[in-house]
Amino acid sequence: MGKVSLNIPPEAGRVRVIYDDSFFSSFSFSGLVKRREGYYTSVGFDQSNAPILTLRLSSGLGKMIVNYK
């Protein structure tokens, strides 16, 4: 059991986060927009031509926090 915190600066360009949630895991997203279950993107993702940073997150037990600011 643990906690991971990821801080992504806005200079990273467009951000896409795909995650697999399980019964014993928890995910928290700040500064990102939920597109559907298991999928978040940065604001303005579709209107930008910046490079894409894709994160694929999976956790069996614990908490993951993603901050895009």
PDB file of N, CA and C in Angstrom:
ATOM      1  N   MET A   1       0.855  -1.170   0.000  1.00  0.00           N
ATOM      2  CA  MET A   1       0.000   0.000   0.000  1.00  0.00           C
ATOM      3  C   MET A   1       0.896   1.227   0.000  1.00  0.00           C
ATOM      4  N   GLY A   2       0.573   2.184  -0.840  1.00  0.00           N
ATOM      5  CA  GLY A   2       1.381   3.376  -0.925  1.00  0.00           C
ATOM      6  C   GLY A   2       0.658   4.491  -1.637  1.00  0.00           C
ATOM      7  N   LYS A   3       1.390   5.578  -1.830  1.00  0.00           N
ATOM      8  CA  LYS A   3       0.829   6.762  -2.482  1.00  0.00           C
ATOM      9  C   LYS A   3       1.877   7.310  -3.441  1.00  0.00           C
ATOM     10  N   VAL A   4       1.453   7.586  -4.670  1.00  0.00           N
ATOM     11  CA  VAL A   4       2.329   8.168  -5.685  1.00  0.00           C
ATOM     12  C   VAL A   4       1.700   9.469  -6.140  1.00  0.00           C
ATOM     13  N   SER A   5       2.518  10.514  -6.211  1.00  0.00           N
ATOM     14  CA  SER A   5       2.046  11.822  -6.662  1.00  0.00           C
ATOM     15  C   SER A   5       2.878  12.236  -7.874  1.00  0.00           C
ATOM     16  N   LEU A   6       2.209  12.498  -8.999  1.00  0.00           N
ATOM     17  CA  LEU A   6       2.879  12.944 -10.219  1.00  0.00           C
ATOM     18  C   LEU A   6       2.509  14.401 -10.478  1.00  0.00           C
ATOM     19  N   ASN A   7       3.501  15.250 -10.646  1.00  0.00           N
ATOM     20  CA  ASN A   7       3.282  16.659 -10.963  1.00  0.00           C
ATOM     21  C   ASN A   7       3.793  16.902 -12.377  1.00  0.00           C
ATOM     22  N   ILE A   8       2.878  17.288 -13.261  1.00  0.00           N
ATOM     23  CA  ILE A   8       3.209  17.512 -14.666  1.00  0.00           C
ATOM     24  C   ILE A   8       3.091  19.003 -14.962  1.00  0.00           C
ATOM     25  N   PRO A   9       4.179  19.643 -15.389  1.00  0.00           N
ATOM     26  CA  PRO A   9       4.105  21.069 -15.701  1.00  0.00           C
ATOM     27  C   PRO A   9       3.373  21.312 -17.018  1.00  0.00           C
ATOM     28  N   PRO A  10       2.756  22.492 -17.191  1.00  0.00           N
ATOM     29  CA  PRO A  10       2.036  22.790 -18.431  1.00  0.00           C
ATOM     30  C   PRO A  10       2.954  22.788 -19.663  1.00  0.00           C
ATOM     31  N   GLU A  11       4.233  22.952 -19.476  1.00  0.00           N
ATOM     32  CA  GLU A  11       5.187  22.927 -20.589  1.00  0.00           C
ATOM     33  C   GLU A  11       5.261  21.536 -21.220  1.00  0.00           C
ATOM     34  N   ALA A  12       4.669  20.543 -20.589  1.00  0.00           N
ATOM     35  CA  ALA A  12       4.685  19.177 -21.124  1.00  0.00           C
ATOM     36  C   ALA A  12       3.830  19.060 -22.383  1.00  0.00           C
ATOM     37  N   GLY A  13       3.051  20.092 -22.698  1.00  0.00           N
ATOM     38  CA  GLY A  13       2.202  20.042 -23.887  1.00  0.00           C
ATOM     39  C   GLY A  13       0.885  19.368 -23.588  1.00  0.00           C
ATOM     40  N   ARG A  14       0.383  18.630 -24.567  1.00  0.00           N
ATOM     41  CA  ARG A  14      -0.888  17.914 -24.382  1.00  0.00           C
ATOM     42  C   ARG A  14      -0.635  16.659 -23.548  1.00  0.00           C
ATOM     43  N   VAL A  15      -1.542  16.413 -22.620  1.00  0.00           N
ATOM     44  CA  VAL A  15      -1.393  15.266 -21.728  1.00  0.00           C
ATOM     45  C   VAL A  15      -2.624  14.379 -21.839  1.00  0.00           C
ATOM     46  N   ARG A  16      -2.376  13.089 -21.946  1.00  0.00           N
ATOM     47  CA  ARG A  16      -3.443  12.090 -21.986  1.00  0.00           C
ATOM     48  C   ARG A  16      -3.100  11.048 -20.916  1.00  0.00           C
ATOM     49  N   VAL A  17      -4.061  10.752 -20.036  1.00  0.00           N
ATOM     50  CA  VAL A  17      -3.856   9.764 -18.980  1.00  0.00           C
ATOM     51  C   VAL A  17      -4.896   8.651 -19.138  1.00  0.00           C
ATOM     52  N   ILE A  18      -4.414   7.453 -19.255  1.00  0.00           N
ATOM     53  CA  ILE A  18      -5.263   6.270 -19.340  1.00  0.00           C
ATOM     54  C   ILE A  18      -4.951   5.437 -18.096  1.00  0.00           C
ATOM     55  N   TYR A  19      -5.981   5.070 -17.357  1.00  0.00           N
ATOM     56  CA  TYR A  19      -5.710   4.334 -16.123  1.00  0.00           C
ATOM     57  C   TYR A  19      -6.671   3.170 -15.928  1.00  0.00           C
ATOM     58  N   ASP A  20      -6.177   2.172 -15.205  1.00  0.00           N
ATOM     59  CA  ASP A  20      -6.965   1.000 -14.835  1.00  0.00           C
ATOM     60  C   ASP A  20      -7.227   1.075 -13.346  1.00  0.00           C
ATOM     61  N   ASP A  21      -8.475   1.206 -12.998  1.00  0.00           N
ATOM     62  CA  ASP A  21      -8.878   1.294 -11.604  1.00  0.00           C
ATOM     63  C   ASP A  21      -9.229  -0.095 -11.091  1.00  0.00           C
ATOM     64  N   SER A  22      -8.867  -0.362  -9.845  1.00  0.00           N
ATOM     65  CA  SER A  22      -9.257  -1.621  -9.231  1.00  0.00           C
ATOM     66  C   SER A  22      -9.948  -1.327  -7.903  1.00  0.00           C
ATOM     67  N   PHE A  23     -10.455  -2.354  -7.283  1.00  0.00           N
ATOM     68  CA  PHE A  23     -11.208  -2.204  -6.043  1.00  0.00           C
ATOM     69  C   PHE A  23     -10.361  -1.592  -4.925  1.00  0.00           C
ATOM     70  N   PHE A  24      -9.067  -1.889  -4.879  1.00  0.00           N
ATOM     71  CA  PHE A  24      -8.200  -1.432  -3.799  1.00  0.00           C
ATOM     72  C   PHE A  24      -7.353  -0.219  -4.171  1.00  0.00           C
ATOM     73  N   SER A  25      -7.577   0.360  -5.337  1.00  0.00           N
ATOM     74  CA  SER A  25      -6.785   1.522  -5.751  1.00  0.00           C
ATOM     75  C   SER A  25      -7.661   2.761  -5.840  1.00  0.00           C
ATOM     76  N   SER A  26      -6.999   3.914  -5.802  1.00  0.00           N
ATOM     77  CA  SER A  26      -7.688   5.195  -5.879  1.00  0.00           C
ATOM     78  C   SER A  26      -6.868   6.133  -6.761  1.00  0.00           C
ATOM     79  N   PHE A  27      -7.549   6.863  -7.644  1.00  0.00           N
ATOM     80  CA  PHE A  27      -6.889   7.823  -8.517  1.00  0.00           C
ATOM     81  C   PHE A  27      -7.516   9.192  -8.313  1.00  0.00           C
ATOM     82  N   SER A  28      -6.676  10.225  -8.354  1.00  0.00           N
ATOM     83  CA  SER A  28      -7.138  11.606  -8.215  1.00  0.00           C
ATOM     84  C   SER A  28      -6.453  12.440  -9.297  1.00  0.00           C
ATOM     85  N   PHE A  29      -7.230  13.282 -10.000  1.00  0.00           N
ATOM     86  CA  PHE A  29      -6.693  14.087 -11.096  1.00  0.00           C
ATOM     87  C   PHE A  29      -7.023  15.553 -10.876  1.00  0.00           C
ATOM     88  N   SER A  30      -6.024  16.413 -11.037  1.00  0.00           N
ATOM     89  CA  SER A  30      -6.207  17.851 -10.893  1.00  0.00           C
ATOM     90  C   SER A  30      -5.682  18.532 -12.156  1.00  0.00           C
ATOM     91  N   GLY A  31      -6.488  19.435 -12.736  1.00  0.00           N
ATOM     92  CA  GLY A  31      -6.076  20.154 -13.936  1.00  0.00           C
ATOM     93  C   GLY A  31      -6.325  19.387 -15.222  1.00  0.00           C
ATOM     94  N   LEU A  32      -6.968  18.244 -15.137  1.00  0.00           N
ATOM     95  CA  LEU A  32      -7.280  17.424 -16.312  1.00  0.00           C
ATOM     96  C   LEU A  32      -8.784  17.273 -16.441  1.00  0.00           C
ATOM     97  N   VAL A  33      -9.244  16.964 -17.654  1.00  0.00           N
ATOM     98  CA  VAL A  33     -10.667  16.836 -17.943  1.00  0.00           C
ATOM     99  C   VAL A  33     -10.996  15.359 -18.165  1.00  0.00           C
ATOM    100  N   LYS A  34     -12.037  14.870 -17.486  1.00  0.00           N
ATOM    101  CA  LYS A  34     -12.459  13.485 -17.667  1.00  0.00           C
ATOM    102  C   LYS A  34     -13.204  13.357 -18.991  1.00  0.00           C
ATOM    103  N   ARG A  35     -12.732  12.453 -19.856  1.00  0.00           N
ATOM    104  CA  ARG A  35     -13.373  12.216 -21.152  1.00  0.00           C
ATOM    105  C   ARG A  35     -14.353  11.044 -21.057  1.00  0.00           C
ATOM    106  N   ARG A  36     -13.953  10.038 -20.325  1.00  0.00           N
ATOM    107  CA  ARG A  36     -14.800   8.878 -20.041  1.00  0.00           C
ATOM    108  C   ARG A  36     -14.107   8.118 -18.911  1.00  0.00           C
ATOM    109  N   GLU A  37     -14.723   7.058 -18.456  1.00  0.00           N
ATOM    110  CA  GLU A  37     -14.125   6.278 -17.371  1.00  0.00           C
ATOM    111  C   GLU A  37     -12.769   5.729 -17.805  1.00  0.00           C
ATOM    112  N   GLY A  38     -11.756   6.013 -17.010  1.00  0.00           N
ATOM    113  CA  GLY A  38     -10.417   5.523 -17.310  1.00  0.00           C
ATOM    114  C   GLY A  38      -9.621   6.371 -18.278  1.00  0.00           C
ATOM    115  N   TYR A  39     -10.096   7.604 -18.581  1.00  0.00           N
ATOM    116  CA  TYR A  39      -9.427   8.419 -19.596  1.00  0.00           C
ATOM    117  C   TYR A  39      -9.577   9.901 -19.285  1.00  0.00           C
ATOM    118  N   TYR A  40      -8.455  10.594 -19.109  1.00  0.00           N
ATOM    119  CA  TYR A  40      -8.423  12.037 -18.856  1.00  0.00           C
ATOM    120  C   TYR A  40      -7.489  12.695 -19.853  1.00  0.00           C
ATOM    121  N   THR A  41      -7.737  13.971 -20.180  1.00  0.00           N
ATOM    122  CA  THR A  41      -6.822  14.751 -21.019  1.00  0.00           C
ATOM    123  C   THR A  41      -6.670  16.154 -20.446  1.00  0.00           C
ATOM    124  N   SER A  42      -5.666  16.861 -20.939  1.00  0.00           N
ATOM    125  CA  SER A  42      -5.482  18.253 -20.551  1.00  0.00           C
ATOM    126  C   SER A  42      -6.538  19.114 -21.241  1.00  0.00           C
ATOM    127  N   VAL A  43      -6.789  20.278 -20.686  1.00  0.00           N
ATOM    128  CA  VAL A  43      -7.748  21.227 -21.259  1.00  0.00           C
ATOM    129  C   VAL A  43      -7.234  21.659 -22.635  1.00  0.00           C
ATOM    130  N   GLY A  44      -8.100  21.700 -23.632  1.00  0.00           N
ATOM    131  CA  GLY A  44      -7.710  22.103 -24.979  1.00  0.00           C
ATOM    132  C   GLY A  44      -6.929  21.050 -25.739  1.00  0.00           C
ATOM    133  N   PHE A  45      -6.979  19.824 -25.287  1.00  0.00           N
ATOM    134  CA  PHE A  45      -6.216  18.732 -25.911  1.00  0.00           C
ATOM    135  C   PHE A  45      -6.485  18.625 -27.410  1.00  0.00           C
ATOM    136  N   ASP A  46      -7.737  18.709 -27.815  1.00  0.00           N
ATOM    137  CA  ASP A  46      -8.109  18.540 -29.222  1.00  0.00           C
ATOM    138  C   ASP A  46      -7.778  19.747 -30.095  1.00  0.00           C
ATOM    139  N   GLN A  47      -7.554  20.908 -29.493  1.00  0.00           N
ATOM    140  CA  GLN A  47      -7.292  22.118 -30.264  1.00  0.00           C
ATOM    141  C   GLN A  47      -5.803  22.423 -30.417  1.00  0.00           C
ATOM    142  N   SER A  48      -4.938  21.608 -29.857  1.00  0.00           N
ATOM    143  CA  SER A  48      -3.509  21.883 -29.878  1.00  0.00           C
ATOM    144  C   SER A  48      -2.769  20.940 -30.820  1.00  0.00           C
ATOM    145  N   ASN A  49      -1.630  21.396 -31.299  1.00  0.00           N
ATOM    146  CA  ASN A  49      -0.746  20.566 -32.118  1.00  0.00           C
ATOM    147  C   ASN A  49       0.539  20.211 -31.376  1.00  0.00           C
ATOM    148  N   ALA A  50       0.582  20.508 -30.077  1.00  0.00           N
ATOM    149  CA  ALA A  50       1.764  20.226 -29.264  1.00  0.00           C
ATOM    150  C   ALA A  50       1.980  18.714 -29.161  1.00  0.00           C
ATOM    151  N   PRO A  51       3.207  18.298 -28.856  1.00  0.00           N
ATOM    152  CA  PRO A  51       3.462  16.864 -28.656  1.00  0.00           C
ATOM    153  C   PRO A  51       2.581  16.313 -27.538  1.00  0.00           C
ATOM    154  N   ILE A  52       2.293  15.030 -27.605  1.00  0.00           N
ATOM    155  CA  ILE A  52       1.415  14.383 -26.620  1.00  0.00           C
ATOM    156  C   ILE A  52       2.241  13.564 -25.635  1.00  0.00           C
ATOM    157  N   LEU A  53       1.996  13.797 -24.351  1.00  0.00           N
ATOM    158  CA  LEU A  53       2.555  12.969 -23.290  1.00  0.00           C
ATOM    159  C   LEU A  53       1.449  12.014 -22.858  1.00  0.00           C
ATOM    160  N   THR A  54       1.657  10.716 -23.049  1.00  0.00           N
ATOM    161  CA  THR A  54       0.661   9.707 -22.677  1.00  0.00           C
ATOM    162  C   THR A  54       1.159   8.936 -21.465  1.00  0.00           C
ATOM    163  N   LEU A  55       0.330   8.890 -20.434  1.00  0.00           N
ATOM    164  CA  LEU A  55       0.633   8.119 -19.233  1.00  0.00           C
ATOM    165  C   LEU A  55      -0.367   6.973 -19.135  1.00  0.00           C
ATOM    166  N   ARG A  56       0.122   5.773 -18.921  1.00  0.00           N
ATOM    167  CA  ARG A  56      -0.734   4.609 -18.681  1.00  0.00           C
ATOM    168  C   ARG A  56      -0.482   4.171 -17.246  1.00  0.00           C
ATOM    169  N   LEU A  57      -1.476   4.366 -16.404  1.00  0.00           N
ATOM    170  CA  LEU A  57      -1.324   4.104 -14.977  1.00  0.00           C
ATOM    171  C   LEU A  57      -2.138   2.899 -14.558  1.00  0.00           C
ATOM    172  N   SER A  58      -1.548   2.120 -13.664  1.00  0.00           N
ATOM    173  CA  SER A  58      -2.222   0.956 -13.116  1.00  0.00           C
ATOM    174  C   SER A  58      -1.739   0.778 -11.681  1.00  0.00           C
ATOM    175  N   SER A  59      -2.656   0.454 -10.809  1.00  0.00           N
ATOM    176  CA  SER A  59      -2.306   0.274  -9.403  1.00  0.00           C
ATOM    177  C   SER A  59      -3.124  -0.865  -8.827  1.00  0.00           C
ATOM    178  N   GLY A  60      -2.465  -1.735  -8.113  1.00  0.00           N
ATOM    179  CA  GLY A  60      -3.171  -2.832  -7.477  1.00  0.00           C
ATOM    180  C   GLY A  60      -3.683  -2.444  -6.096  1.00  0.00           C
ATOM    181  N   LEU A  61      -2.902  -1.626  -5.400  1.00  0.00           N
ATOM    182  CA  LEU A  61      -3.242  -1.242  -4.037  1.00  0.00           C
ATOM    183  C   LEU A  61      -2.594   0.099  -3.745  1.00  0.00           C
ATOM    184  N   GLY A  62      -3.381   1.104  -3.392  1.00  0.00           N
ATOM    185  CA  GLY A  62      -2.822   2.399  -3.055  1.00  0.00           C
ATOM    186  C   GLY A  62      -3.524   3.543  -3.751  1.00  0.00           C
ATOM    187  N   LYS A  63      -2.866   4.702  -3.713  1.00  0.00           N
ATOM    188  CA  LYS A  63      -3.445   5.913  -4.271  1.00  0.00           C
ATOM    189  C   LYS A  63      -2.468   6.560  -5.230  1.00  0.00           C
ATOM    190  N   MET A  64      -2.982   7.031  -6.366  1.00  0.00           N
ATOM    191  CA  MET A  64      -2.181   7.777  -7.332  1.00  0.00           C
ATOM    192  C   MET A  64      -2.823   9.145  -7.550  1.00  0.00           C
ATOM    193  N   ILE A  65      -2.004  10.189  -7.471  1.00  0.00           N
ATOM    194  CA  ILE A  65      -2.463  11.560  -7.641  1.00  0.00           C
ATOM    195  C   ILE A  65      -1.710  12.158  -8.823  1.00  0.00           C
ATOM    196  N   VAL A  66      -2.459  12.717  -9.782  1.00  0.00           N
ATOM    197  CA  VAL A  66      -1.852  13.358 -10.951  1.00  0.00           C
ATOM    198  C   VAL A  66      -2.263  14.824 -10.951  1.00  0.00           C
ATOM    199  N   ASN A  67      -1.270  15.714 -10.911  1.00  0.00           N
ATOM    200  CA  ASN A  67      -1.505  17.161 -10.925  1.00  0.00           C
ATOM    201  C   ASN A  67      -0.910  17.737 -12.199  1.00  0.00           C
ATOM    202  N   TYR A  68      -1.721  18.394 -12.980  1.00  0.00           N
ATOM    203  CA  TYR A  68      -1.262  19.071 -14.210  1.00  0.00           C
ATOM    204  C   TYR A  68      -1.445  20.566 -13.995  1.00  0.00           C
ATOM    205  N   LYS A  69      -0.350  21.223 -13.634  1.00  0.00           N
ATOM    206  CA  LYS A  69      -0.399  22.669 -13.396  1.00  0.00           C
ATOM    207  C   LYS A  69       0.959  23.277 -13.511  1.00  0.00           C
TER     208      LYS A  69
END
